Amino acid sequence: MQPTVVELIARKRDGGTLTADEIGRIVRDYVGGTVADYQLSALLMAIFFRGLDDAETVALTEAMLHSGSVLALPAVKGIKVDKHSTGGVGDKVSICLAPLVAACGVPVPMVSGRGLGHTGGTLDKLEAIPGFSTDIPTADFARIVGDVGTCMIGQTAEIAPADKRIYALRDVTATVESIPLIVASILSKKLAEGIDGLVLDVKVGRGAFMKDEARARALATALVRVGTRAGKRVVAVLTRMDCPLGNAIGNSNETREAIDVLFGRGPADLVECTLVLGAEMLVLGGAAATVAEGRDKIAAAIASGAGARVLERMIEAQRGDPRAVADTSLLPRAPRVVDVPSPTAGFLVDIDALELGLTAVAMGAGRTRADQAVDPVVGIELQKKPGDAVAAGEPLAKLLVREDAHAHAVIDRVRAAFRVGAERPTLPPLVLARIDSRDAEGA
């Protein structure tokens, strides 16, 4: 006889291992309704404390992946590569990255998420484009990727439904931070896209979910190792998220800033992050022999406008207004802009990304529950970044609001997120580490 779910929970609670068949059966029975929420919650807590080995993590990933449809993209030629970020404040890279990579000949099927907590979501930002739809049937998704080179949609009911239900339990049982559970959640969704390769941007720092480098490195290593054992080409980079990425925090304004990158006007840190990730995607996709060549090709797609043209085609295919690429005034704007002046002169030493992310949520740019709507026009525009000189009274940031009173409610909180000092700081590099399959297997 097969062991009961209670026996399996007890085995994991006591530090034992589960077979692939046992993990697959638990996931199938949970989705099918014969394993109760409280039983799976108990197993999640046991996993949180006891962990999963690589074989168990691969088995959980595969079980969640095959709980729904795995998209097949046989008509899409070439090696299909996606990118996933673990999330941060001002991270709008996907919006400029995917069309640039597609313009270089690597197809990018992308299933993205919405913002929750202090981090924004790509879908919310894209939906600031008039008419743009992220609710695309899977058949149309495959066609658009084939025709345009990229398509960005949300997780459908058919894609990894077990992950959706299990994540909801993790969220209310304080088991979100478990690395094996994070790995299985990320990879089950991404592998369901029908991709061949994946580049992971693991954020580390105050504004990221992984606050310290050691834990971020452990997550990145596990993602690469498990993804590789699942038969995919996987590379991870660790990037800093102590300060916001770029200058825009919000939805419409972040989309505008991502479009600026396509025209060579983006902030230096956002452009660098795009070049780093894009180069890795081109190498995995066989369009570049080296990372240096990949950087050159992404830069050329910016200079030629090829990336902007791909974004226009993608927006049109997803029922949006493609004119918003060349004319970002068509994106919605806040009716009021309020300055946040610096109380002192000196040099900007630090910006608290977490505090600004939470403030943007309080302003309406994000959500604290999955069923909440976001306001596309509200947000924060940084006027200074660490290392910049600041005069007393000079704006540190601008608040994008519907009414002045809304700005007055948060202006002190925003000002407190900026630290001005007497000396110009030494700025750390954006990229902390790169981890490929050789690094992960040797860890």
Protein backbone atom coordinates (compact mmCIF):
# COMPACT_ATOMS: atom_id res chain seq x y z
CA MET A 1 0.00 0.00 0.00
CA GLN A 2 1.04 3.58 -0.64
CA PRO A 3 1.74 5.68 2.47
CA THR A 4 -1.05 8.05 3.41
CA VAL A 5 -0.63 11.80 3.19
CA VAL A 6 -0.42 11.90 6.99
CA GLU A 7 2.51 9.47 6.89
CA LEU A 8 4.22 11.60 4.23
CA ILE A 9 3.77 14.75 6.30
CA ALA A 10 5.23 12.97 9.32
CA ARG A 11 8.19 11.69 7.32
CA LYS A 12 9.07 15.20 6.12
CA ARG A 13 8.45 16.62 9.60
CA ASP A 14 11.02 14.18 10.95
CA GLY A 15 13.61 15.09 8.30
CA GLY A 16 13.02 12.26 5.83
CA THR A 17 12.83 12.51 2.05
CA LEU A 18 9.87 12.04 -0.29
CA THR A 19 10.06 10.26 -3.63
CA ALA A 20 9.11 11.90 -6.91
CA ASP A 21 6.02 9.67 -7.10
CA GLU A 22 4.96 10.67 -3.59
CA ILE A 23 5.39 14.38 -4.28
CA GLY A 24 3.53 14.05 -7.58
CA ARG A 25 0.66 12.24 -5.87
CA ILE A 26 0.36 14.90 -3.15
CA VAL A 27 0.19 17.70 -5.73
CA ARG A 28 -2.32 15.83 -7.94
CA ASP A 29 -4.52 14.98 -4.97
CA TYR A 30 -4.38 18.54 -3.66
CA VAL A 31 -5.46 19.97 -7.00
CA GLY A 32 -8.07 17.20 -7.22
CA GLY A 33 -9.46 18.01 -3.78
CA THR A 34 -8.61 14.84 -1.84
CA VAL A 35 -5.76 16.49 0.08
CA ALA A 36 -7.12 19.26 2.31
CA ASP A 37 -5.72 22.77 2.67
CA TYR A 38 -4.77 22.08 6.29
CA GLN A 39 -2.84 18.95 5.29
CA LEU A 40 -0.86 20.73 2.61
CA SER A 41 -0.27 23.61 5.02
CA ALA A 42 1.26 21.14 7.46
CA LEU A 43 3.51 19.76 4.73
CA LEU A 44 4.58 23.27 3.70
CA MET A 45 5.58 24.06 7.26
CA ALA A 46 7.53 20.79 7.48
CA ILE A 47 9.31 21.72 4.24
CA PHE A 48 9.99 25.21 5.58
CA PHE A 49 11.87 23.76 8.57
CA ARG A 50 13.32 20.56 7.05
CA GLY A 51 13.90 21.68 3.45
CA LEU A 52 13.93 19.65 0.25
CA ASP A 53 16.93 18.15 -1.49
CA ASP A 54 17.51 18.79 -5.20
CA ALA A 55 15.69 15.65 -6.32
CA GLU A 56 12.66 16.57 -4.22
CA THR A 57 12.72 20.16 -5.49
CA VAL A 58 12.87 18.97 -9.10
CA ALA A 59 9.98 16.59 -8.41
CA LEU A 60 7.89 19.37 -6.85
CA THR A 61 8.69 21.67 -9.78
CA GLU A 62 7.69 19.01 -12.30
CA ALA A 63 4.49 18.16 -10.42
CA MET A 64 3.42 21.81 -10.26
CA LEU A 65 4.45 22.36 -13.89
CA HIS A 66 2.35 19.43 -15.12
CA SER A 67 -0.66 20.30 -12.94
CA GLY A 68 -1.85 22.33 -15.95
CA SER A 69 -0.96 23.03 -19.55
CA VAL A 70 2.62 23.29 -20.73
CA LEU A 71 2.65 25.67 -23.68
CA ALA A 72 4.00 24.18 -26.87
CA LEU A 73 5.56 26.61 -29.33
CA PRO A 74 6.59 24.32 -32.20
CA ALA A 75 5.97 27.03 -34.81
CA VAL A 76 8.36 29.44 -33.09
CA LYS A 77 11.80 28.97 -34.61
CA GLY A 78 14.95 29.29 -32.58
CA ILE A 79 15.95 28.84 -28.94
CA LYS A 80 13.26 30.45 -26.77
CA VAL A 81 14.58 32.34 -23.74
CA ASP A 82 12.83 34.24 -20.95
CA LYS A 83 13.95 36.32 -17.99
CA HIS A 84 12.63 36.31 -14.44
CA SER A 85 13.30 38.85 -11.71
CA THR A 86 12.68 38.12 -8.06
CA GLY A 87 11.29 41.66 -7.81
CA GLY A 88 12.27 45.06 -6.58
CA VAL A 89 11.33 48.73 -6.55
CA GLY A 90 11.40 50.43 -9.95
CA ASP A 91 12.19 47.19 -11.78
CA LYS A 92 10.63 47.74 -15.20
CA VAL A 93 13.35 45.91 -17.14
CA SER A 94 11.08 43.35 -18.84
CA ILE A 95 9.26 46.03 -20.84
CA CYS A 96 12.42 47.14 -22.65
CA LEU A 97 14.40 43.90 -22.40
CA ALA A 98 12.01 41.51 -24.17
CA PRO A 99 11.65 43.56 -27.38
CA LEU A 100 15.40 44.22 -27.52
CA VAL A 101 16.24 40.52 -27.22
CA ALA A 102 13.53 39.64 -29.77
CA ALA A 103 14.95 42.27 -32.14
CA CYS A 104 18.27 40.41 -31.94
CA GLY A 105 16.63 37.17 -33.11
CA VAL A 106 15.88 35.32 -29.85
CA PRO A 107 12.16 34.64 -29.21
CA VAL A 108 10.94 35.72 -25.75
CA PRO A 109 7.69 34.13 -24.52
CA MET A 110 6.99 35.88 -21.21
CA VAL A 111 4.39 35.09 -18.55
CA SER A 112 4.57 37.97 -16.07
CA GLY A 113 2.98 38.86 -12.76
CA ARG A 114 1.22 41.69 -11.00
CA GLY A 115 2.59 43.76 -8.17
CA LEU A 116 2.01 42.57 -4.63
CA GLY A 117 3.54 44.06 -1.53
CA HIS A 118 6.22 46.70 -2.08
CA THR A 119 7.30 45.46 -5.54
CA GLY A 120 5.61 46.42 -8.78
CA GLY A 121 4.34 44.05 -11.46
CA THR A 122 5.04 44.07 -15.19
CA LEU A 123 1.37 43.47 -16.06
CA ASP A 124 0.21 46.54 -14.12
CA LYS A 125 2.80 48.67 -15.89
CA LEU A 126 1.92 47.39 -19.36
CA GLU A 127 -1.78 47.96 -18.76
CA ALA A 128 -1.06 51.69 -18.47
CA ILE A 129 -0.73 51.56 -22.27
CA PRO A 130 -4.17 52.47 -23.72
CA GLY A 131 -6.02 49.31 -24.78
CA PHE A 132 -3.20 46.90 -23.95
CA SER A 133 -4.42 43.43 -22.96
CA THR A 134 -2.43 40.89 -20.99
CA ASP A 135 -5.34 38.42 -21.10
CA ILE A 136 -4.38 36.59 -24.29
CA PRO A 137 -5.48 33.02 -25.15
CA THR A 138 -2.58 30.59 -25.30
CA ALA A 139 -3.05 30.01 -29.05
CA ASP A 140 -2.74 33.75 -29.69
CA PHE A 141 0.24 33.92 -27.34
CA ALA A 142 2.09 31.33 -29.44
CA ARG A 143 1.14 33.13 -32.68
CA ILE A 144 2.32 36.53 -31.42
CA VAL A 145 5.64 35.13 -30.20
CA GLY A 146 6.11 33.59 -33.64
CA ASP A 147 5.10 36.69 -35.58
CA VAL A 148 6.55 39.47 -33.39
CA GLY A 149 9.27 37.71 -31.41
CA THR A 150 7.79 38.36 -27.98
CA CYS A 151 4.49 38.47 -26.11
CA MET A 152 3.79 39.32 -22.45
CA ILE A 153 0.78 37.80 -20.73
CA GLY A 154 -0.40 36.95 -17.23
CA GLN A 155 -0.59 33.51 -15.66
CA THR A 156 -3.71 31.83 -17.05
CA ALA A 157 -5.87 29.29 -15.23
CA GLU A 158 -4.20 26.58 -17.32
CA ILE A 159 -0.59 27.47 -16.42
CA ALA A 160 0.68 25.74 -13.25
CA PRO A 161 -2.64 25.91 -11.33
CA ALA A 162 -1.06 24.01 -8.43
CA ASP A 163 1.42 26.84 -7.95
CA LYS A 164 -1.37 29.40 -7.72
CA ARG A 165 -3.15 27.44 -4.98
CA ILE A 166 0.01 26.48 -3.11
CA TYR A 167 1.32 30.05 -3.17
CA ALA A 168 -1.95 31.28 -1.67
CA LEU A 169 -1.40 28.85 1.22
CA ARG A 170 2.24 29.87 1.63
CA ASP A 171 1.17 33.50 1.81
CA VAL A 172 -1.08 32.87 4.84
CA THR A 173 1.05 30.25 6.60
CA ALA A 174 4.34 32.21 6.80
CA THR A 175 6.16 29.77 4.49
CA VAL A 176 6.89 32.13 1.58
CA GLU A 177 10.62 32.45 2.35
CA SER A 178 11.49 28.76 1.90
CA ILE A 179 14.09 28.53 -0.89
CA PRO A 180 12.94 25.13 -2.28
CA LEU A 181 9.34 26.39 -2.39
CA ILE A 182 10.43 29.63 -4.09
CA VAL A 183 12.43 27.63 -6.65
CA ALA A 184 9.53 25.31 -7.47
CA SER A 185 7.10 28.22 -7.72
CA ILE A 186 9.27 30.27 -10.08
CA LEU A 187 10.39 27.41 -12.29
CA SER A 188 7.00 25.70 -12.61
CA LYS A 189 5.52 28.90 -14.09
CA LYS A 190 8.50 29.71 -16.29
CA LEU A 191 8.97 26.19 -17.68
CA ALA A 192 5.26 26.11 -18.57
CA GLU A 193 5.95 28.83 -21.15
CA GLY A 194 7.67 26.37 -23.46
CA ILE A 195 11.08 27.99 -23.07
CA ASP A 196 14.51 26.47 -23.68
CA GLY A 197 16.52 28.89 -21.55
CA LEU A 198 16.04 31.23 -18.62
CA VAL A 199 18.02 34.16 -17.24
CA LEU A 200 17.30 34.95 -13.59
CA ASP A 201 17.76 38.37 -12.03
CA VAL A 202 17.99 37.67 -8.30
CA LYS A 203 17.67 40.98 -6.48
CA VAL A 204 19.50 41.45 -3.19
CA GLY A 205 19.25 44.28 -0.68
CA ARG A 206 16.83 46.36 1.33
CA GLY A 207 14.25 46.68 -1.47
CA ALA A 208 14.36 42.98 -2.42
CA PHE A 209 12.78 39.91 -0.87
CA MET A 210 16.29 38.55 -0.31
CA LYS A 211 17.92 41.10 2.00
CA ASP A 212 21.43 39.63 2.25
CA GLU A 213 23.83 38.41 -0.40
CA ALA A 214 24.39 34.95 1.10
CA ARG A 215 20.70 34.08 0.99
CA ALA A 216 20.28 35.58 -2.48
CA ARG A 217 23.24 33.55 -3.71
CA ALA A 218 21.73 30.38 -2.20
CA LEU A 219 18.44 31.06 -4.02
CA ALA A 220 20.19 31.81 -7.33
CA THR A 221 22.32 28.67 -7.05
CA ALA A 222 19.29 26.49 -6.31
CA LEU A 223 17.33 28.00 -9.21
CA VAL A 224 20.16 27.37 -11.66
CA ARG A 225 20.85 23.86 -10.41
CA VAL A 226 17.21 22.74 -10.40
CA GLY A 227 16.42 24.45 -13.72
CA THR A 228 19.43 22.79 -15.33
CA ARG A 229 18.40 19.38 -14.00
CA ALA A 230 14.95 20.02 -15.48
CA GLY A 231 16.67 20.18 -18.89
CA LYS A 232 16.87 23.96 -19.42
CA ARG A 233 19.75 26.37 -20.00
CA VAL A 234 19.80 28.63 -16.94
CA VAL A 235 22.00 31.51 -15.78
CA ALA A 236 21.47 33.82 -12.79
CA VAL A 237 22.88 37.22 -11.93
CA LEU A 238 22.69 38.88 -8.53
CA THR A 239 21.89 42.61 -8.78
CA ARG A 240 21.64 45.23 -6.05
CA MET A 241 18.25 46.46 -4.85
CA ASP A 242 19.12 48.74 -1.92
CA CYS A 243 18.09 51.76 -4.01
CA PRO A 244 15.30 51.83 -6.60
CA LEU A 245 16.23 50.82 -10.16
CA GLY A 246 15.95 53.80 -12.47
CA ASN A 247 14.10 56.97 -11.47
CA ALA A 248 10.43 56.01 -11.87
CA ILE A 249 8.33 54.19 -9.26
CA GLY A 250 4.75 53.56 -10.27
CA ASN A 251 3.03 52.14 -13.33
CA SER A 252 2.56 54.55 -16.22
CA ASN A 253 5.76 56.43 -15.35
CA GLU A 254 7.76 53.18 -15.19
CA THR A 255 6.43 52.15 -18.59
CA ARG A 256 7.46 55.56 -19.94
CA GLU A 257 10.97 55.13 -18.51
CA ALA A 258 11.31 51.62 -20.00
CA ILE A 259 10.36 53.03 -23.41
CA ASP A 260 13.02 55.73 -22.92
CA VAL A 261 15.62 52.94 -22.73
CA LEU A 262 14.62 51.83 -26.23
CA PHE A 263 15.48 55.30 -27.52
CA GLY A 264 18.79 55.57 -25.65
CA ARG A 265 17.41 57.95 -23.00
CA GLY A 266 17.13 55.67 -19.97
CA PRO A 267 18.84 56.11 -16.58
CA ALA A 268 22.31 54.57 -16.43
CA ASP A 269 21.49 51.84 -13.89
CA LEU A 270 18.37 50.72 -15.78
CA VAL A 271 20.28 50.64 -19.07
CA GLU A 272 23.10 48.65 -17.48
CA CYS A 273 20.71 46.08 -16.00
CA THR A 274 19.05 45.71 -19.40
CA LEU A 275 22.40 45.22 -21.15
CA VAL A 276 23.59 42.65 -18.58
CA LEU A 277 20.43 40.53 -18.75
CA GLY A 278 19.99 40.94 -22.50
CA ALA A 279 23.55 39.80 -23.20
CA GLU A 280 23.02 36.64 -21.13
CA MET A 281 19.75 35.93 -22.98
CA LEU A 282 21.43 36.27 -26.36
CA VAL A 283 24.19 33.85 -25.34
CA LEU A 284 21.64 31.27 -24.13
CA GLY A 285 19.63 31.81 -27.31
CA GLY A 286 22.63 31.26 -29.57
CA ALA A 287 22.55 34.80 -31.01
CA ALA A 288 25.86 35.77 -29.40
CA ALA A 289 29.00 33.75 -28.72
CA THR A 290 30.04 35.83 -25.71
CA VAL A 291 28.48 38.17 -23.19
CA ALA A 292 30.50 41.04 -24.66
CA GLU A 293 29.08 40.34 -28.11
CA GLY A 294 25.63 40.14 -26.58
CA ARG A 295 26.00 43.58 -24.98
CA ASP A 296 27.07 45.04 -28.31
CA LYS A 297 24.05 43.56 -30.06
CA ILE A 298 21.58 44.86 -27.45
CA ALA A 299 23.20 48.30 -27.66
CA ALA A 300 22.90 48.19 -31.46
CA ALA A 301 19.19 47.31 -31.21
CA ILE A 302 18.76 50.43 -29.08
CA ALA A 303 20.75 52.64 -31.46
CA SER A 304 18.90 51.42 -34.56
CA GLY A 305 15.44 51.61 -33.00
CA ALA A 306 14.86 47.90 -33.71
CA GLY A 307 13.77 47.23 -30.12
CA ALA A 308 11.26 50.09 -30.21
CA ARG A 309 9.76 48.71 -33.43
CA VAL A 310 9.31 45.26 -31.86
CA LEU A 311 7.55 46.82 -28.86
CA GLU A 312 5.20 48.71 -31.19
CA ARG A 313 4.32 45.47 -32.98
CA MET A 314 3.79 43.62 -29.69
CA ILE A 315 1.52 46.36 -28.34
CA GLU A 316 -0.55 46.35 -31.53
CA ALA A 317 -0.83 42.54 -31.46
CA GLN A 318 -2.07 42.77 -27.86
CA ARG A 319 -4.73 45.32 -28.79
CA GLY A 320 -2.90 48.36 -27.41
CA ASP A 321 -2.09 51.69 -29.00
CA PRO A 322 1.39 51.34 -30.60
CA ARG A 323 1.68 55.12 -30.98
CA ALA A 324 2.46 55.28 -27.25
CA VAL A 325 6.01 54.09 -28.00
CA ALA A 326 6.98 57.06 -30.16
CA ASP A 327 4.73 59.45 -28.23
CA THR A 328 4.72 58.62 -24.53
CA SER A 329 2.41 61.58 -23.87
CA LEU A 330 -0.34 59.12 -24.83
CA LEU A 331 0.34 57.27 -21.56
CA PRO A 332 -1.80 58.54 -18.67
CA ARG A 333 -0.24 61.20 -16.45
CA ALA A 334 -0.97 62.40 -12.92
CA PRO A 335 -2.74 65.77 -12.87
CA ARG A 336 -0.60 67.08 -10.00
CA VAL A 337 3.17 66.98 -9.37
CA VAL A 338 4.54 67.96 -5.95
CA ASP A 339 8.24 68.45 -5.13
CA VAL A 340 9.95 66.82 -2.13
CA PRO A 341 12.71 69.34 -1.26
CA SER A 342 15.97 68.44 0.44
CA PRO A 343 16.26 69.90 3.95
CA THR A 344 20.08 70.19 3.66
CA ALA A 345 22.89 70.51 1.14
CA GLY A 346 25.53 67.87 0.47
CA PHE A 347 25.64 64.60 -1.44
CA LEU A 348 22.92 61.99 -1.66
CA VAL A 349 24.32 59.00 0.21
CA ASP A 350 21.45 56.53 0.20
CA ILE A 351 17.82 55.93 -0.80
CA ASP A 352 15.67 53.41 1.07
CA ALA A 353 14.04 51.42 -1.75
CA LEU A 354 11.77 49.48 0.58
CA GLU A 355 10.36 52.65 2.15
CA LEU A 356 9.68 54.22 -1.25
CA GLY A 357 8.08 51.00 -2.50
CA LEU A 358 5.77 50.87 0.50
CA THR A 359 4.96 54.56 0.08
CA ALA A 360 4.06 54.04 -3.58
CA VAL A 361 1.69 51.26 -2.50
CA ALA A 362 0.09 53.62 0.04
CA MET A 363 -0.35 56.18 -2.75
CA GLY A 364 -2.29 53.63 -4.82
CA ALA A 365 0.43 52.49 -7.24
CA GLY A 366 0.48 48.98 -5.73
CA ARG A 367 -1.74 46.60 -3.85
CA THR A 368 -1.81 44.84 -0.50
CA ARG A 369 -4.40 42.28 -1.67
CA ALA A 370 -4.47 40.43 -4.98
CA ASP A 371 -8.01 41.68 -5.74
CA GLN A 372 -7.14 45.39 -5.50
CA ALA A 373 -6.89 47.67 -8.53
CA VAL A 374 -3.92 49.99 -8.99
CA ASP A 375 -3.92 53.64 -10.04
CA PRO A 376 -1.75 53.85 -13.18
CA VAL A 377 -0.85 57.54 -12.83
CA VAL A 378 0.34 57.91 -9.24
CA GLY A 379 3.93 57.33 -8.22
CA ILE A 380 7.32 58.80 -7.39
CA GLU A 381 9.96 60.26 -9.69
CA LEU A 382 13.47 60.40 -8.25
CA GLN A 383 15.32 63.62 -9.04
CA LYS A 384 18.56 62.56 -7.35
CA LYS A 385 20.44 59.27 -7.11
CA PRO A 386 23.23 58.28 -4.70
CA GLY A 387 26.41 60.21 -5.49
CA ASP A 388 24.59 63.31 -6.79
CA ALA A 389 25.22 66.73 -5.27
CA VAL A 390 22.17 68.26 -3.58
CA ALA A 391 21.42 71.89 -2.72
CA ALA A 392 19.18 72.81 0.20
CA GLY A 393 15.62 73.10 -1.08
CA GLU A 394 16.42 71.25 -4.30
CA PRO A 395 13.92 68.45 -5.15
CA LEU A 396 14.96 64.96 -4.12
CA ALA A 397 11.86 63.52 -5.76
CA LYS A 398 8.55 64.49 -7.29
CA LEU A 399 5.26 62.97 -6.19
CA LEU A 400 2.75 62.15 -8.92
CA VAL A 401 -0.73 62.48 -7.43
CA ARG A 402 -4.32 63.27 -8.32
CA GLU A 403 -4.66 65.93 -5.62
CA ASP A 404 -2.12 67.98 -3.64
CA ALA A 405 -3.58 66.63 -0.40
CA HIS A 406 -2.53 63.11 -1.40
CA ALA A 407 1.09 64.28 -1.65
CA HIS A 408 1.01 66.06 1.70
CA ALA A 409 0.02 62.77 3.36
CA VAL A 410 3.28 61.08 2.29
CA ILE A 411 5.81 63.85 1.66
CA ASP A 412 7.57 63.48 5.03
CA ARG A 413 7.78 59.72 4.58
CA VAL A 414 9.37 60.12 1.15
CA ARG A 415 11.84 62.76 2.39
CA ALA A 416 12.91 60.43 5.21
CA ALA A 417 13.85 57.74 2.67
CA PHE A 418 16.68 59.96 1.35
CA ARG A 419 19.93 60.37 3.29
CA VAL A 420 22.12 63.39 2.50
CA GLY A 421 25.69 63.53 3.82
CA ALA A 422 28.73 65.77 3.66
CA GLU A 423 30.85 63.48 1.47
CA ARG A 424 30.19 61.88 -1.89
CA PRO A 425 29.74 58.12 -1.36
CA THR A 426 31.62 55.36 -3.16
CA LEU A 427 28.98 53.51 -5.17
CA PRO A 428 28.99 49.70 -5.26
CA PRO A 429 28.60 47.82 -8.56
CA LEU A 430 25.12 46.91 -9.79
CA VAL A 431 26.01 43.28 -10.48
CA LEU A 432 27.28 41.29 -7.52
CA ALA A 433 27.71 37.85 -9.08
CA ARG A 434 26.97 35.60 -12.03
CA ILE A 435 26.05 31.95 -11.50
CA ASP A 436 25.84 29.35 -14.27
CA SER A 437 25.36 25.58 -14.20
CA ARG A 438 29.05 24.92 -13.49
CA ASP A 439 28.99 27.22 -10.47
CA ALA A 440 25.72 25.72 -9.22
CA GLU A 441 26.84 22.10 -9.48
CA GLY A 442 30.08 22.94 -7.69
CA ALA A 443 28.32 24.75 -4.83
